[in-house]
Amino acid sequence: PEHAYPSAHEDVHRAVKHWSAQGEKMILIGDSAGGNLALGAVAQMMADEGPGAGALAGVAVLSPWCDLRTNAASVGVNAVAHSPFDHQDAEEYAAQYLGDRDRSSAAVSPLLGTYKGWPDMYLEYAEDEFLAPDVVELSQKLTQDQVSLTVRTEPQAVHGWQLLPDFLPESKRSIAALAAWSRAQLGLPPLT
């Protein structure tokens, strides 16, 4: 990364606070490492302002990298058919991003945080991707903390498949599902 932790977390937190102050309802969306940033920004907002803080109508995370610890559930999974990286790659990325900072902090590994009082959430991941074990744990934690949660999985999809709608039909399905959820959260009519 161009700037190590916590620069990106602080940037996202500032942006969300700025847009929240405008009074417009919004959906915060992040995928992969961006999912980590989205979860971190909302956690900081919740710590600063409490449940119902800001103008977030919902939070959507797609295949979020939610546990950067070296003993994360995903560490036990090596390269799989539908992931462009494995635990060795993740370790290298985390080391570049965090340096020697503590990875067991909920700010860095959102899986370790608490989600009571959070806005509604949308969680999507590929069943066979490298991060799936961590995302399953996150889903269980969100349910345990009574977050209103929509979970969508895609079988045999590659990590980040949502970025390729011109090539992958599963990407189009994902985008349509996320758009429908987002519009409902914002009180907008469905697309026709």
N, C-alpha and C. Protein backbone atom coordinates (compact mmCIF):
# COMPACT_ATOMS: atom_id res chain seq x y z
N PRO A 1 0.83 -1.20 0.00
CA PRO A 1 0.00 0.00 0.00
C PRO A 1 0.87 1.26 0.00
N GLU A 2 0.33 2.30 -0.59
CA GLU A 2 1.06 3.57 -0.62
C GLU A 2 1.23 4.14 0.78
N HIS A 3 0.20 3.99 1.60
CA HIS A 3 0.25 4.48 2.99
C HIS A 3 -0.17 3.34 3.91
N ALA A 4 0.64 3.05 4.90
CA ALA A 4 0.37 1.94 5.82
C ALA A 4 -0.75 2.31 6.80
N TYR A 5 -1.22 1.29 7.50
CA TYR A 5 -2.23 1.46 8.53
C TYR A 5 -1.75 2.49 9.55
N PRO A 6 -2.59 3.39 10.00
CA PRO A 6 -4.04 3.45 9.89
C PRO A 6 -4.55 4.45 8.85
N SER A 7 -3.72 4.89 7.94
CA SER A 7 -4.11 5.96 7.00
C SER A 7 -5.42 5.68 6.27
N ALA A 8 -5.56 4.52 5.66
CA ALA A 8 -6.78 4.23 4.90
C ALA A 8 -8.00 4.17 5.82
N HIS A 9 -7.87 3.56 6.99
CA HIS A 9 -8.99 3.51 7.94
C HIS A 9 -9.42 4.93 8.32
N GLU A 10 -8.46 5.79 8.59
CA GLU A 10 -8.78 7.17 8.96
C GLU A 10 -9.45 7.91 7.81
N ASP A 11 -8.98 7.69 6.59
CA ASP A 11 -9.58 8.33 5.41
C ASP A 11 -11.04 7.92 5.24
N VAL A 12 -11.31 6.63 5.34
CA VAL A 12 -12.69 6.15 5.18
C VAL A 12 -13.57 6.68 6.31
N HIS A 13 -13.06 6.66 7.52
CA HIS A 13 -13.83 7.17 8.66
C HIS A 13 -14.18 8.64 8.45
N ARG A 14 -13.21 9.44 8.02
CA ARG A 14 -13.47 10.87 7.76
C ARG A 14 -14.50 11.04 6.65
N ALA A 15 -14.39 10.26 5.59
CA ALA A 15 -15.34 10.38 4.47
C ALA A 15 -16.76 10.03 4.92
N VAL A 16 -16.90 8.96 5.68
CA VAL A 16 -18.23 8.56 6.16
C VAL A 16 -18.80 9.63 7.08
N LYS A 17 -17.98 10.17 7.97
CA LYS A 17 -18.45 11.24 8.87
C LYS A 17 -18.88 12.47 8.06
N HIS A 18 -18.09 12.81 7.04
CA HIS A 18 -18.43 13.97 6.20
C HIS A 18 -19.78 13.77 5.52
N TRP A 19 -19.95 12.61 4.88
CA TRP A 19 -21.20 12.38 4.15
C TRP A 19 -22.37 12.20 5.11
N SER A 20 -22.12 11.65 6.28
CA SER A 20 -23.19 11.53 7.28
C SER A 20 -23.68 12.90 7.71
N ALA A 21 -22.76 13.84 7.82
CA ALA A 21 -23.12 15.20 8.23
C ALA A 21 -23.99 15.91 7.19
N GLN A 22 -23.98 15.42 5.96
CA GLN A 22 -24.80 16.02 4.90
C GLN A 22 -26.27 15.64 5.05
N GLY A 23 -26.55 14.63 5.88
CA GLY A 23 -27.93 14.25 6.15
C GLY A 23 -28.53 13.26 5.17
N GLU A 24 -27.81 12.88 4.15
CA GLU A 24 -28.31 11.91 3.19
C GLU A 24 -28.05 10.50 3.69
N LYS A 25 -29.02 9.62 3.53
CA LYS A 25 -28.81 8.22 3.87
C LYS A 25 -27.88 7.59 2.84
N MET A 26 -27.04 6.68 3.29
CA MET A 26 -26.10 6.05 2.37
C MET A 26 -25.85 4.60 2.77
N ILE A 27 -25.30 3.87 1.80
CA ILE A 27 -24.85 2.50 2.00
C ILE A 27 -23.34 2.53 1.86
N LEU A 28 -22.64 1.99 2.82
CA LEU A 28 -21.18 1.87 2.74
C LEU A 28 -20.87 0.47 2.23
N ILE A 29 -20.11 0.39 1.14
CA ILE A 29 -19.81 -0.89 0.49
C ILE A 29 -18.30 -1.04 0.38
N GLY A 30 -17.80 -2.24 0.70
CA GLY A 30 -16.38 -2.53 0.52
C GLY A 30 -16.19 -3.98 0.15
N ASP A 31 -15.20 -4.24 -0.69
CA ASP A 31 -14.90 -5.62 -1.05
C ASP A 31 -13.46 -5.95 -0.70
N SER A 32 -13.23 -7.17 -0.24
CA SER A 32 -11.90 -7.68 0.11
C SER A 32 -11.26 -6.78 1.17
N ALA A 33 -10.11 -6.19 0.88
CA ALA A 33 -9.48 -5.28 1.85
C ALA A 33 -10.37 -4.06 2.08
N GLY A 34 -11.14 -3.67 1.07
CA GLY A 34 -12.11 -2.59 1.23
C GLY A 34 -13.22 -2.95 2.20
N GLY A 35 -13.54 -4.24 2.30
CA GLY A 35 -14.50 -4.70 3.30
C GLY A 35 -13.95 -4.49 4.70
N ASN A 36 -12.65 -4.73 4.85
CA ASN A 36 -11.97 -4.48 6.13
C ASN A 36 -12.09 -2.99 6.47
N LEU A 37 -11.85 -2.14 5.49
CA LEU A 37 -11.93 -0.70 5.72
C LEU A 37 -13.35 -0.27 6.08
N ALA A 38 -14.34 -0.81 5.38
CA ALA A 38 -15.73 -0.46 5.67
C ALA A 38 -16.10 -0.87 7.09
N LEU A 39 -15.76 -2.09 7.46
CA LEU A 39 -16.07 -2.56 8.82
C LEU A 39 -15.35 -1.71 9.86
N GLY A 40 -14.10 -1.37 9.59
CA GLY A 40 -13.34 -0.54 10.53
C GLY A 40 -13.92 0.86 10.68
N ALA A 41 -14.36 1.45 9.57
CA ALA A 41 -14.94 2.79 9.63
C ALA A 41 -16.23 2.80 10.43
N VAL A 42 -17.07 1.80 10.21
CA VAL A 42 -18.33 1.73 10.95
C VAL A 42 -18.06 1.47 12.43
N ALA A 43 -17.11 0.60 12.73
CA ALA A 43 -16.76 0.34 14.13
C ALA A 43 -16.32 1.63 14.82
N GLN A 44 -15.53 2.44 14.13
CA GLN A 44 -15.08 3.71 14.71
C GLN A 44 -16.26 4.66 14.90
N MET A 45 -17.17 4.71 13.92
CA MET A 45 -18.37 5.55 14.07
C MET A 45 -19.20 5.10 15.26
N MET A 46 -19.36 3.79 15.40
CA MET A 46 -20.16 3.27 16.51
C MET A 46 -19.50 3.62 17.85
N ALA A 47 -18.18 3.54 17.91
CA ALA A 47 -17.46 3.89 19.14
C ALA A 47 -17.61 5.38 19.45
N ASP A 48 -17.55 6.22 18.40
CA ASP A 48 -17.63 7.67 18.59
C ASP A 48 -19.04 8.15 18.89
N GLU A 49 -20.03 7.58 18.18
CA GLU A 49 -21.37 8.15 18.20
C GLU A 49 -22.45 7.21 18.72
N GLY A 50 -22.14 5.95 18.88
CA GLY A 50 -23.11 4.99 19.40
C GLY A 50 -24.00 4.40 18.33
N PRO A 51 -24.85 3.44 18.72
CA PRO A 51 -25.75 2.79 17.77
C PRO A 51 -26.62 3.79 17.03
N GLY A 52 -26.86 3.52 15.77
CA GLY A 52 -27.67 4.40 14.96
C GLY A 52 -26.92 5.63 14.49
N ALA A 53 -25.60 5.63 14.69
CA ALA A 53 -24.79 6.80 14.36
C ALA A 53 -24.79 7.08 12.87
N GLY A 54 -24.75 8.35 12.58
CA GLY A 54 -24.57 8.76 11.19
C GLY A 54 -25.78 8.47 10.32
N ALA A 55 -25.53 8.51 9.05
CA ALA A 55 -26.60 8.37 8.07
C ALA A 55 -26.52 7.04 7.33
N LEU A 56 -25.94 6.04 7.96
CA LEU A 56 -25.80 4.75 7.29
C LEU A 56 -27.13 4.00 7.28
N ALA A 57 -27.62 3.75 6.08
CA ALA A 57 -28.81 2.92 5.93
C ALA A 57 -28.43 1.45 5.90
N GLY A 58 -27.15 1.18 5.71
CA GLY A 58 -26.68 -0.20 5.68
C GLY A 58 -25.21 -0.26 5.34
N VAL A 59 -24.65 -1.44 5.55
CA VAL A 59 -23.25 -1.72 5.25
C VAL A 59 -23.21 -3.01 4.45
N ALA A 60 -22.53 -2.98 3.31
CA ALA A 60 -22.39 -4.18 2.49
C ALA A 60 -20.91 -4.50 2.35
N VAL A 61 -20.56 -5.74 2.67
CA VAL A 61 -19.17 -6.17 2.51
C VAL A 61 -19.16 -7.44 1.65
N LEU A 62 -18.30 -7.41 0.66
CA LEU A 62 -18.19 -8.50 -0.29
C LEU A 62 -16.84 -9.18 -0.09
N SER A 63 -16.87 -10.43 0.28
CA SER A 63 -15.63 -11.19 0.54
C SER A 63 -14.66 -10.38 1.39
N PRO A 64 -15.11 -9.89 2.54
CA PRO A 64 -14.24 -9.01 3.33
C PRO A 64 -13.05 -9.75 3.93
N TRP A 65 -11.92 -9.08 3.96
CA TRP A 65 -10.74 -9.60 4.65
C TRP A 65 -10.91 -9.16 6.10
N CYS A 66 -11.53 -9.99 6.90
CA CYS A 66 -11.96 -9.56 8.23
C CYS A 66 -11.11 -10.09 9.38
N ASP A 67 -10.10 -10.89 9.08
CA ASP A 67 -9.22 -11.40 10.14
C ASP A 67 -7.80 -11.46 9.60
N LEU A 68 -6.96 -10.53 10.05
CA LEU A 68 -5.58 -10.45 9.57
C LEU A 68 -4.60 -11.19 10.46
N ARG A 69 -5.10 -11.86 11.50
CA ARG A 69 -4.20 -12.58 12.40
C ARG A 69 -3.56 -13.78 11.69
N THR A 70 -2.42 -14.19 12.20
CA THR A 70 -1.72 -15.33 11.61
C THR A 70 -2.40 -16.65 11.96
N ASN A 71 -3.35 -16.64 12.89
CA ASN A 71 -4.08 -17.86 13.23
C ASN A 71 -5.54 -17.79 12.79
N ALA A 72 -5.86 -16.95 11.82
CA ALA A 72 -7.22 -16.85 11.30
C ALA A 72 -7.63 -18.19 10.70
N ALA A 73 -8.93 -18.44 10.67
CA ALA A 73 -9.43 -19.70 10.11
C ALA A 73 -8.97 -19.90 8.67
N SER A 74 -8.86 -18.81 7.92
CA SER A 74 -8.44 -18.91 6.52
C SER A 74 -6.99 -19.34 6.37
N VAL A 75 -6.20 -19.20 7.41
CA VAL A 75 -4.79 -19.59 7.34
C VAL A 75 -4.67 -21.09 7.10
N GLY A 76 -5.62 -21.86 7.59
CA GLY A 76 -5.60 -23.30 7.39
C GLY A 76 -5.96 -23.72 5.99
N VAL A 77 -6.37 -22.76 5.17
CA VAL A 77 -6.74 -23.04 3.79
C VAL A 77 -5.61 -22.52 2.91
N ASN A 78 -5.03 -23.38 2.13
CA ASN A 78 -4.01 -22.91 1.21
C ASN A 78 -4.70 -22.51 -0.08
N ALA A 79 -3.96 -22.36 -1.14
CA ALA A 79 -4.55 -21.97 -2.41
C ALA A 79 -5.68 -22.93 -2.77
N VAL A 80 -6.80 -22.38 -3.16
CA VAL A 80 -7.93 -23.19 -3.61
C VAL A 80 -8.24 -22.79 -5.04
N ALA A 81 -9.05 -23.57 -5.67
CA ALA A 81 -9.31 -23.37 -7.10
C ALA A 81 -9.86 -21.99 -7.44
N HIS A 82 -10.55 -21.37 -6.50
CA HIS A 82 -11.25 -20.13 -6.82
C HIS A 82 -10.71 -18.91 -6.08
N SER A 83 -9.45 -18.92 -5.72
CA SER A 83 -8.84 -17.77 -5.07
C SER A 83 -7.54 -17.40 -5.77
N PRO A 84 -7.34 -16.13 -6.04
CA PRO A 84 -6.10 -15.71 -6.69
C PRO A 84 -4.93 -15.59 -5.72
N PHE A 85 -5.16 -15.84 -4.43
CA PHE A 85 -4.08 -15.76 -3.45
C PHE A 85 -4.31 -16.78 -2.35
N ASP A 86 -3.31 -16.97 -1.52
CA ASP A 86 -3.41 -17.93 -0.42
C ASP A 86 -2.90 -17.28 0.86
N HIS A 87 -2.73 -18.07 1.91
CA HIS A 87 -2.36 -17.49 3.20
C HIS A 87 -0.97 -16.87 3.18
N GLN A 88 -0.06 -17.36 2.35
CA GLN A 88 1.27 -16.74 2.27
C GLN A 88 1.17 -15.34 1.66
N ASP A 89 0.33 -15.20 0.64
CA ASP A 89 0.10 -13.88 0.06
C ASP A 89 -0.54 -12.95 1.09
N ALA A 90 -1.56 -13.45 1.79
CA ALA A 90 -2.25 -12.63 2.79
C ALA A 90 -1.28 -12.19 3.88
N GLU A 91 -0.39 -13.07 4.28
CA GLU A 91 0.61 -12.72 5.30
C GLU A 91 1.51 -11.59 4.80
N GLU A 92 1.93 -11.68 3.56
CA GLU A 92 2.79 -10.63 2.99
C GLU A 92 2.04 -9.30 2.91
N TYR A 93 0.78 -9.34 2.46
CA TYR A 93 -0.02 -8.11 2.37
C TYR A 93 -0.22 -7.48 3.75
N ALA A 94 -0.54 -8.32 4.73
CA ALA A 94 -0.76 -7.81 6.09
C ALA A 94 0.52 -7.20 6.66
N ALA A 95 1.65 -7.85 6.42
CA ALA A 95 2.93 -7.32 6.93
C ALA A 95 3.25 -5.97 6.30
N GLN A 96 2.99 -5.83 5.00
CA GLN A 96 3.24 -4.55 4.32
C GLN A 96 2.31 -3.47 4.86
N TYR A 97 1.07 -3.83 5.12
CA TYR A 97 0.07 -2.86 5.56
C TYR A 97 0.23 -2.48 7.02
N LEU A 98 0.53 -3.47 7.87
CA LEU A 98 0.52 -3.24 9.31
C LEU A 98 1.89 -3.09 9.95
N GLY A 99 2.94 -3.56 9.28
CA GLY A 99 4.24 -3.56 9.93
C GLY A 99 4.19 -4.46 11.14
N ASP A 100 4.64 -3.96 12.28
CA ASP A 100 4.66 -4.79 13.49
C ASP A 100 3.48 -4.50 14.42
N ARG A 101 2.44 -3.86 13.91
CA ARG A 101 1.26 -3.57 14.74
C ARG A 101 0.53 -4.86 15.13
N ASP A 102 -0.22 -4.77 16.21
CA ASP A 102 -0.97 -5.91 16.74
C ASP A 102 -2.14 -6.26 15.82
N ARG A 103 -2.14 -7.46 15.30
CA ARG A 103 -3.21 -7.91 14.40
C ARG A 103 -4.44 -8.40 15.14
N SER A 104 -4.35 -8.51 16.45
CA SER A 104 -5.50 -9.00 17.21
C SER A 104 -6.40 -7.86 17.69
N SER A 105 -6.15 -6.67 17.21
CA SER A 105 -7.02 -5.53 17.49
C SER A 105 -8.25 -5.61 16.58
N ALA A 106 -9.41 -5.32 17.13
CA ALA A 106 -10.63 -5.34 16.32
C ALA A 106 -10.59 -4.28 15.22
N ALA A 107 -9.79 -3.23 15.40
CA ALA A 107 -9.66 -2.21 14.36
C ALA A 107 -8.96 -2.77 13.12
N VAL A 108 -8.10 -3.75 13.32
CA VAL A 108 -7.33 -4.35 12.24
C VAL A 108 -7.99 -5.64 11.76
N SER A 109 -8.52 -6.41 12.68
CA SER A 109 -9.20 -7.67 12.38
C SER A 109 -10.65 -7.55 12.86
N PRO A 110 -11.52 -6.96 12.02
CA PRO A 110 -12.89 -6.67 12.45
C PRO A 110 -13.68 -7.88 12.95
N LEU A 111 -13.28 -9.07 12.58
CA LEU A 111 -13.95 -10.26 13.08
C LEU A 111 -13.97 -10.29 14.61
N LEU A 112 -13.00 -9.65 15.23
CA LEU A 112 -12.87 -9.67 16.68
C LEU A 112 -13.70 -8.59 17.38
N GLY A 113 -14.37 -7.77 16.60
CA GLY A 113 -15.16 -6.68 17.18
C GLY A 113 -16.53 -7.12 17.64
N THR A 114 -17.28 -6.15 18.12
CA THR A 114 -18.67 -6.39 18.51
C THR A 114 -19.57 -5.64 17.53
N TYR A 115 -20.73 -6.20 17.27
CA TYR A 115 -21.61 -5.64 16.24
C TYR A 115 -22.99 -5.28 16.77
N LYS A 116 -23.17 -5.29 18.06
CA LYS A 116 -24.47 -4.94 18.63
C LYS A 116 -24.82 -3.49 18.27
N GLY A 117 -26.05 -3.31 17.79
CA GLY A 117 -26.51 -1.98 17.44
C GLY A 117 -26.09 -1.49 16.06
N TRP A 118 -25.45 -2.36 15.28
CA TRP A 118 -24.98 -1.95 13.95
C TRP A 118 -26.15 -1.79 12.98
N PRO A 119 -25.92 -0.99 11.92
CA PRO A 119 -26.94 -0.90 10.87
C PRO A 119 -27.10 -2.25 10.16
N ASP A 120 -28.15 -2.38 9.38
CA ASP A 120 -28.37 -3.60 8.60
C ASP A 120 -27.16 -3.88 7.73
N MET A 121 -26.91 -5.17 7.52
CA MET A 121 -25.73 -5.56 6.74
C MET A 121 -26.06 -6.55 5.64
N TYR A 122 -25.27 -6.46 4.60
CA TYR A 122 -25.32 -7.38 3.46
C TYR A 122 -23.93 -7.99 3.36
N LEU A 123 -23.87 -9.31 3.33
CA LEU A 123 -22.60 -10.02 3.32
C LEU A 123 -22.63 -11.01 2.16
N GLU A 124 -21.62 -10.91 1.30
CA GLU A 124 -21.55 -11.80 0.14
C GLU A 124 -20.14 -12.35 0.01
N TYR A 125 -20.06 -13.63 -0.34
CA TYR A 125 -18.75 -14.26 -0.52
C TYR A 125 -18.90 -15.50 -1.40
N ALA A 126 -17.78 -15.94 -1.94
CA ALA A 126 -17.76 -17.17 -2.73
C ALA A 126 -17.52 -18.35 -1.80
N GLU A 127 -18.28 -19.39 -1.97
CA GLU A 127 -18.20 -20.55 -1.08
C GLU A 127 -16.82 -21.19 -1.08
N ASP A 128 -16.12 -21.12 -2.19
CA ASP A 128 -14.84 -21.82 -2.33
C ASP A 128 -13.62 -20.91 -2.23
N GLU A 129 -13.81 -19.65 -1.91
CA GLU A 129 -12.65 -18.77 -1.91
C GLU A 129 -11.85 -18.87 -0.61
N PHE A 130 -10.64 -18.41 -0.66
CA PHE A 130 -9.70 -18.48 0.45
C PHE A 130 -10.25 -17.85 1.73
N LEU A 131 -10.93 -16.72 1.63
CA LEU A 131 -11.41 -16.01 2.82
C LEU A 131 -12.72 -16.56 3.39
N ALA A 132 -13.33 -17.54 2.72
CA ALA A 132 -14.64 -18.04 3.14
C ALA A 132 -14.71 -18.46 4.61
N PRO A 133 -13.73 -19.18 5.17
CA PRO A 133 -13.86 -19.56 6.59
C PRO A 133 -13.99 -18.36 7.53
N ASP A 134 -13.26 -17.29 7.25
CA ASP A 134 -13.35 -16.09 8.09
C ASP A 134 -14.69 -15.39 7.90
N VAL A 135 -15.19 -15.37 6.67
CA VAL A 135 -16.46 -14.70 6.39
C VAL A 135 -17.61 -15.47 7.03
N VAL A 136 -17.53 -16.79 7.04
CA VAL A 136 -18.54 -17.60 7.72
C VAL A 136 -18.55 -17.25 9.22
N GLU A 137 -17.38 -17.13 9.82
CA GLU A 137 -17.29 -16.73 11.24
C GLU A 137 -17.91 -15.35 11.45
N LEU A 138 -17.63 -14.42 10.53
CA LEU A 138 -18.21 -13.08 10.64
C LEU A 138 -19.73 -13.15 10.58
N SER A 139 -20.26 -13.93 9.67
CA SER A 139 -21.71 -14.09 9.55
C SER A 139 -22.31 -14.62 10.85
N GLN A 140 -21.66 -15.60 11.44
CA GLN A 140 -22.13 -16.15 12.72
C GLN A 140 -22.09 -15.09 13.82
N LYS A 141 -21.04 -14.30 13.83
CA LYS A 141 -20.91 -13.26 14.86
C LYS A 141 -21.99 -12.18 14.68
N LEU A 142 -22.25 -11.78 13.44
CA LEU A 142 -23.29 -10.79 13.17
C LEU A 142 -24.65 -11.30 13.62
N THR A 143 -24.93 -12.56 13.34
CA THR A 143 -26.19 -13.17 13.76
C THR A 143 -26.27 -13.21 15.28
N GLN A 144 -25.19 -13.60 15.92
CA GLN A 144 -25.14 -13.66 17.39
C GLN A 144 -25.37 -12.28 18.00
N ASP A 145 -24.83 -11.25 17.36
CA ASP A 145 -24.99 -9.88 17.86
C ASP A 145 -26.29 -9.23 17.38
N GLN A 146 -27.16 -10.02 16.77
CA GLN A 146 -28.51 -9.62 16.36
C GLN A 146 -28.53 -8.48 15.35
N VAL A 147 -27.58 -8.50 14.43
CA VAL A 147 -27.58 -7.55 13.33
C VAL A 147 -28.54 -8.07 12.26
N SER A 148 -29.36 -7.20 11.71
CA SER A 148 -30.21 -7.60 10.58
C SER A 148 -29.28 -7.88 9.40
N LEU A 149 -29.26 -9.12 8.95
CA LEU A 149 -28.23 -9.57 8.03
C LEU A 149 -28.82 -10.29 6.83
N THR A 150 -28.35 -9.91 5.65
CA THR A 150 -28.64 -10.63 4.42
C THR A 150 -27.33 -11.25 3.96
N VAL A 151 -27.32 -12.57 3.78
CA VAL A 151 -26.11 -13.27 3.34
C VAL A 151 -26.39 -13.86 1.97
N ARG A 152 -25.46 -13.64 1.06
CA ARG A 152 -25.54 -14.22 -0.28
C ARG A 152 -24.22 -14.89 -0.59
N THR A 153 -24.29 -16.14 -1.03
CA THR A 153 -23.08 -16.86 -1.41
C THR A 153 -23.15 -17.20 -2.89
N GLU A 154 -22.00 -17.38 -3.46
CA GLU A 154 -21.89 -17.77 -4.87
C GLU A 154 -20.99 -19.01 -4.92
N PRO A 155 -21.50 -20.12 -5.46
CA PRO A 155 -20.65 -21.31 -5.57
C PRO A 155 -19.64 -21.16 -6.71
N GLN A 156 -18.48 -21.68 -6.50
CA GLN A 156 -17.44 -21.76 -7.53
C GLN A 156 -17.14 -20.42 -8.20
N ALA A 157 -17.12 -19.37 -7.43
CA ALA A 157 -16.75 -18.06 -7.97
C ALA A 157 -15.36 -17.70 -7.46
N VAL A 158 -14.66 -16.93 -8.23
CA VAL A 158 -13.33 -16.47 -7.84
C VAL A 158 -13.47 -15.21 -6.98
N HIS A 159 -12.54 -15.04 -6.06
CA HIS A 159 -12.54 -13.85 -5.20
C HIS A 159 -12.60 -12.59 -6.06
N GLY A 160 -13.53 -11.70 -5.75
CA GLY A 160 -13.67 -10.45 -6.50
C GLY A 160 -14.45 -10.58 -7.79
N TRP A 161 -15.21 -11.65 -7.94
CA TRP A 161 -15.96 -11.88 -9.18
C TRP A 161 -16.92 -10.75 -9.50
N GLN A 162 -17.35 -10.00 -8.51
CA GLN A 162 -18.32 -8.92 -8.73
C GLN A 162 -17.77 -7.83 -9.65
N LEU A 163 -16.46 -7.78 -9.80
CA LEU A 163 -15.82 -6.73 -10.59
C LEU A 163 -15.83 -7.01 -12.09
N LEU A 164 -16.37 -8.15 -12.51
CA LEU A 164 -16.27 -8.55 -13.91
C LEU A 164 -17.64 -8.79 -14.56
N PRO A 165 -18.56 -7.81 -14.52
CA PRO A 165 -19.90 -8.04 -15.07
C PRO A 165 -19.92 -8.24 -16.58
N ASP A 166 -18.92 -7.77 -17.29
CA ASP A 166 -18.89 -7.96 -18.74
C ASP A 166 -18.50 -9.38 -19.12
N PHE A 167 -17.98 -10.13 -18.16
CA PHE A 167 -17.47 -11.47 -18.46
C PHE A 167 -18.15 -12.59 -17.68
N LEU A 168 -18.65 -12.30 -16.49
CA LEU A 168 -19.15 -13.36 -15.62
C LEU A 168 -20.63 -13.15 -15.28
N PRO A 169 -21.47 -14.13 -15.61
CA PRO A 169 -22.89 -13.99 -15.26
C PRO A 169 -23.12 -13.90 -13.75
N GLU A 170 -22.24 -14.56 -12.96
CA GLU A 170 -22.40 -14.47 -11.50
C GLU A 170 -22.15 -13.05 -11.00
N SER A 171 -21.35 -12.29 -11.73
CA SER A 171 -21.12 -10.90 -11.37
C SER A 171 -22.40 -10.09 -11.57
N LYS A 172 -23.07 -10.32 -12.68
CA LYS A 172 -24.33 -9.61 -12.93
C LYS A 172 -25.37 -9.96 -11.86
N ARG A 173 -25.43 -11.22 -11.47
CA ARG A 173 -26.36 -11.63 -10.40
C ARG A 173 -26.04 -10.91 -9.10
N SER A 174 -24.77 -10.84 -8.78
CA SER A 174 -24.35 -10.19 -7.54
C SER A 174 -24.69 -8.71 -7.53
N ILE A 175 -24.40 -8.05 -8.63
CA ILE A 175 -24.67 -6.62 -8.72
C ILE A 175 -26.17 -6.36 -8.61
N ALA A 176 -26.98 -7.19 -9.27
CA ALA A 176 -28.43 -7.02 -9.18
C ALA A 176 -28.93 -7.24 -7.75
N ALA A 177 -28.41 -8.26 -7.08
CA ALA A 177 -28.84 -8.54 -5.70
C ALA A 177 -28.43 -7.41 -4.76
N LEU A 178 -27.20 -6.92 -4.90
CA LEU A 178 -26.72 -5.83 -4.05
C LEU A 178 -27.51 -4.55 -4.32
N ALA A 179 -27.80 -4.28 -5.59
CA ALA A 179 -28.59 -3.09 -5.93
C ALA A 179 -29.99 -3.17 -5.33
N ALA A 180 -30.62 -4.34 -5.42
CA ALA A 180 -31.96 -4.50 -4.86
C ALA A 180 -31.95 -4.30 -3.34
N TRP A 181 -30.96 -4.89 -2.66
CA TRP A 181 -30.86 -4.72 -1.21
C TRP A 181 -30.62 -3.25 -0.86
N SER A 182 -29.70 -2.61 -1.57
CA SER A 182 -29.36 -1.21 -1.29
C SER A 182 -30.56 -0.30 -1.49
N ARG A 183 -31.29 -0.51 -2.58
CA ARG A 183 -32.46 0.33 -2.85
C ARG A 183 -33.52 0.14 -1.75
N ALA A 184 -33.71 -1.09 -1.31
CA ALA A 184 -34.67 -1.33 -0.23
C ALA A 184 -34.23 -0.64 1.05
N GLN A 185 -32.94 -0.70 1.36
CA GLN A 185 -32.42 -0.05 2.57
C GLN A 185 -32.61 1.47 2.51
N LEU A 186 -32.51 2.02 1.32
CA LEU A 186 -32.63 3.47 1.15
C LEU A 186 -34.08 3.92 0.95
N GLY A 187 -35.01 2.95 0.93
CA GLY A 187 -36.41 3.29 0.73
C GLY A 187 -36.74 3.66 -0.70
N LEU A 188 -35.95 3.18 -1.64
CA LEU A 188 -36.18 3.46 -3.06
C LEU A 188 -36.94 2.31 -3.70
N PRO A 189 -37.72 2.60 -4.75
CA PRO A 189 -38.45 1.52 -5.41
C PRO A 189 -37.48 0.59 -6.15
N PRO A 190 -37.88 -0.66 -6.34
CA PRO A 190 -37.03 -1.59 -7.09
C PRO A 190 -36.81 -1.12 -8.52
N LEU A 191 -35.69 -1.52 -9.08
CA LEU A 191 -35.44 -1.25 -10.49
C LEU A 191 -36.31 -2.17 -11.33
N THR A 192 -36.75 -1.66 -12.46
CA THR A 192 -37.57 -2.51 -13.34
C THR A 192 -36.86 -2.80 -14.63
